[in-house]
Amino acid sequence: MGVYTREMEDLRLQFNDWIRSNDELFDYVSDAEAVVRDQHEDGWYFHEGIHLGDHLHPNAEGGQLLADAWDLKQLLGR
């Protein structure tokens, strides 16, 4: 099994920045990371209490926060 490296995190951050800034390619983007992140000096993690203990997968509360973050009117073009 592989190990998540600093290089992988840097690539993830670059990719997310590209998605967030590319309004010509995407009609709508829901920024899940912005909903769940807790910024630390060495990167970001899920806020405590909204993940399954692995800082990667949301628990029920985290899933609800992510679901509530969707702007359904904008997503559906209304």
C-alpha atoms as a PDB file:
ATOM      1  CA  MET A   1       0.000   0.000   0.000  1.00  0.00           C
ATOM      2  CA  GLY A   2       1.298   3.435  -0.905  1.00  0.00           C
ATOM      3  CA  VAL A   3       2.018   6.332   1.387  1.00  0.00           C
ATOM      4  CA  TYR A   4       0.492   9.767   0.892  1.00  0.00           C
ATOM      5  CA  THR A   5       3.409  12.107   0.242  1.00  0.00           C
ATOM      6  CA  ARG A   6       3.949  15.862   0.345  1.00  0.00           C
ATOM      7  CA  GLU A   7       4.287  15.786  -3.448  1.00  0.00           C
ATOM      8  CA  MET A   8       0.855  14.158  -3.736  1.00  0.00           C
ATOM      9  CA  GLU A   9      -0.635  16.810  -1.448  1.00  0.00           C
ATOM     10  CA  ASP A  10       0.972  19.584  -3.510  1.00  0.00           C
ATOM     11  CA  LEU A  11      -0.490  18.091  -6.697  1.00  0.00           C
ATOM     12  CA  ARG A  12      -3.930  17.817  -5.061  1.00  0.00           C
ATOM     13  CA  LEU A  13      -3.755  21.476  -4.025  1.00  0.00           C
ATOM     14  CA  GLN A  14      -2.714  22.569  -7.528  1.00  0.00           C
ATOM     15  CA  PHE A  15      -5.542  20.570  -9.083  1.00  0.00           C
ATOM     16  CA  ASN A  16      -8.116  22.014  -6.672  1.00  0.00           C
ATOM     17  CA  ASP A  17      -6.881  25.557  -7.373  1.00  0.00           C
ATOM     18  CA  TRP A  18      -7.241  24.893 -11.111  1.00  0.00           C
ATOM     19  CA  ILE A  19     -10.824  23.659 -10.665  1.00  0.00           C
ATOM     20  CA  ARG A  20     -11.767  26.603  -8.431  1.00  0.00           C
ATOM     21  CA  SER A  21     -10.383  29.169 -10.874  1.00  0.00           C
ATOM     22  CA  ASN A  22     -11.633  27.630 -14.122  1.00  0.00           C
ATOM     23  CA  ASP A  23     -15.093  29.171 -14.512  1.00  0.00           C
ATOM     24  CA  GLU A  24     -14.924  28.788 -18.300  1.00  0.00           C
ATOM     25  CA  LEU A  25     -14.897  25.000 -18.053  1.00  0.00           C
ATOM     26  CA  PHE A  26     -17.340  24.397 -15.218  1.00  0.00           C
ATOM     27  CA  ASP A  27     -20.825  25.835 -14.777  1.00  0.00           C
ATOM     28  CA  TYR A  28     -20.897  25.032 -11.068  1.00  0.00           C
ATOM     29  CA  VAL A  29     -18.432  23.712  -8.501  1.00  0.00           C
ATOM     30  CA  SER A  30     -19.250  22.620  -4.981  1.00  0.00           C
ATOM     31  CA  ASP A  31     -16.076  22.983  -2.921  1.00  0.00           C
ATOM     32  CA  ALA A  32     -16.245  20.028  -0.531  1.00  0.00           C
ATOM     33  CA  GLU A  33     -12.803  20.737   0.860  1.00  0.00           C
ATOM     34  CA  ALA A  34     -13.852  24.235   1.945  1.00  0.00           C
ATOM     35  CA  VAL A  35     -16.784  22.719   3.853  1.00  0.00           C
ATOM     36  CA  VAL A  36     -14.804  20.158   5.858  1.00  0.00           C
ATOM     37  CA  ARG A  37     -11.255  21.490   6.122  1.00  0.00           C
ATOM     38  CA  ASP A  38      -9.485  22.494   9.274  1.00  0.00           C
ATOM     39  CA  GLN A  39      -6.279  24.278   8.233  1.00  0.00           C
ATOM     40  CA  HIS A  40      -3.048  23.334   9.978  1.00  0.00           C
ATOM     41  CA  GLU A  41       0.481  24.500   9.327  1.00  0.00           C
ATOM     42  CA  ASP A  42       1.319  21.155   7.705  1.00  0.00           C
ATOM     43  CA  GLY A  43      -1.799  20.952   5.532  1.00  0.00           C
ATOM     44  CA  TRP A  44      -5.513  20.539   5.969  1.00  0.00           C
ATOM     45  CA  TYR A  45      -7.574  17.943   7.741  1.00  0.00           C
ATOM     46  CA  PHE A  46     -11.240  17.280   8.370  1.00  0.00           C
ATOM     47  CA  HIS A  47     -12.643  19.229  11.275  1.00  0.00           C
ATOM     48  CA  GLU A  48     -12.740  16.957  14.296  1.00  0.00           C
ATOM     49  CA  GLY A  49     -16.065  15.236  14.820  1.00  0.00           C
ATOM     50  CA  ILE A  50     -17.121  15.102  11.153  1.00  0.00           C
ATOM     51  CA  HIS A  51     -14.970  12.189   9.889  1.00  0.00           C
ATOM     52  CA  LEU A  52     -14.873   8.462  10.525  1.00  0.00           C
ATOM     53  CA  GLY A  53     -11.576   8.688  12.388  1.00  0.00           C
ATOM     54  CA  ASP A  54      -9.354   8.676   9.305  1.00  0.00           C
ATOM     55  CA  HIS A  55      -9.531  12.401   8.403  1.00  0.00           C
ATOM     56  CA  LEU A  56     -10.609  11.273   4.934  1.00  0.00           C
ATOM     57  CA  HIS A  57     -14.172   9.941   4.982  1.00  0.00           C
ATOM     58  CA  PRO A  58     -17.077  11.938   6.430  1.00  0.00           C
ATOM     59  CA  ASN A  59     -19.307  10.548   9.138  1.00  0.00           C
ATOM     60  CA  ALA A  60     -23.069  11.251   9.113  1.00  0.00           C
ATOM     61  CA  GLU A  61     -22.606  14.819  10.365  1.00  0.00           C
ATOM     62  CA  GLY A  62     -19.864  15.503   7.815  1.00  0.00           C
ATOM     63  CA  GLY A  63     -21.970  13.998   5.050  1.00  0.00           C
ATOM     64  CA  GLN A  64     -24.872  16.250   5.992  1.00  0.00           C
ATOM     65  CA  LEU A  65     -22.605  19.317   5.924  1.00  0.00           C
ATOM     66  CA  LEU A  66     -21.439  18.338   2.442  1.00  0.00           C
ATOM     67  CA  ALA A  67     -25.011  17.750   1.248  1.00  0.00           C
ATOM     68  CA  ASP A  68     -26.160  21.094   2.666  1.00  0.00           C
ATOM     69  CA  ALA A  69     -23.328  22.890   0.843  1.00  0.00           C
ATOM     70  CA  TRP A  70     -24.843  22.197  -2.588  1.00  0.00           C
ATOM     71  CA  ASP A  71     -26.711  25.117  -4.122  1.00  0.00           C
ATOM     72  CA  LEU A  72     -29.422  23.097  -5.846  1.00  0.00           C
ATOM     73  CA  LYS A  73     -30.896  26.095  -7.663  1.00  0.00           C
ATOM     74  CA  GLN A  74     -27.546  26.893  -9.238  1.00  0.00           C
ATOM     75  CA  LEU A  75     -26.812  23.229  -9.894  1.00  0.00           C
ATOM     76  CA  LEU A  76     -30.112  22.817 -11.725  1.00  0.00           C
ATOM     77  CA  GLY A  77     -29.745  26.126 -13.569  1.00  0.00           C
ATOM     78  CA  ARG A  78     -32.668  27.865 -11.901  1.00  0.00           C
END
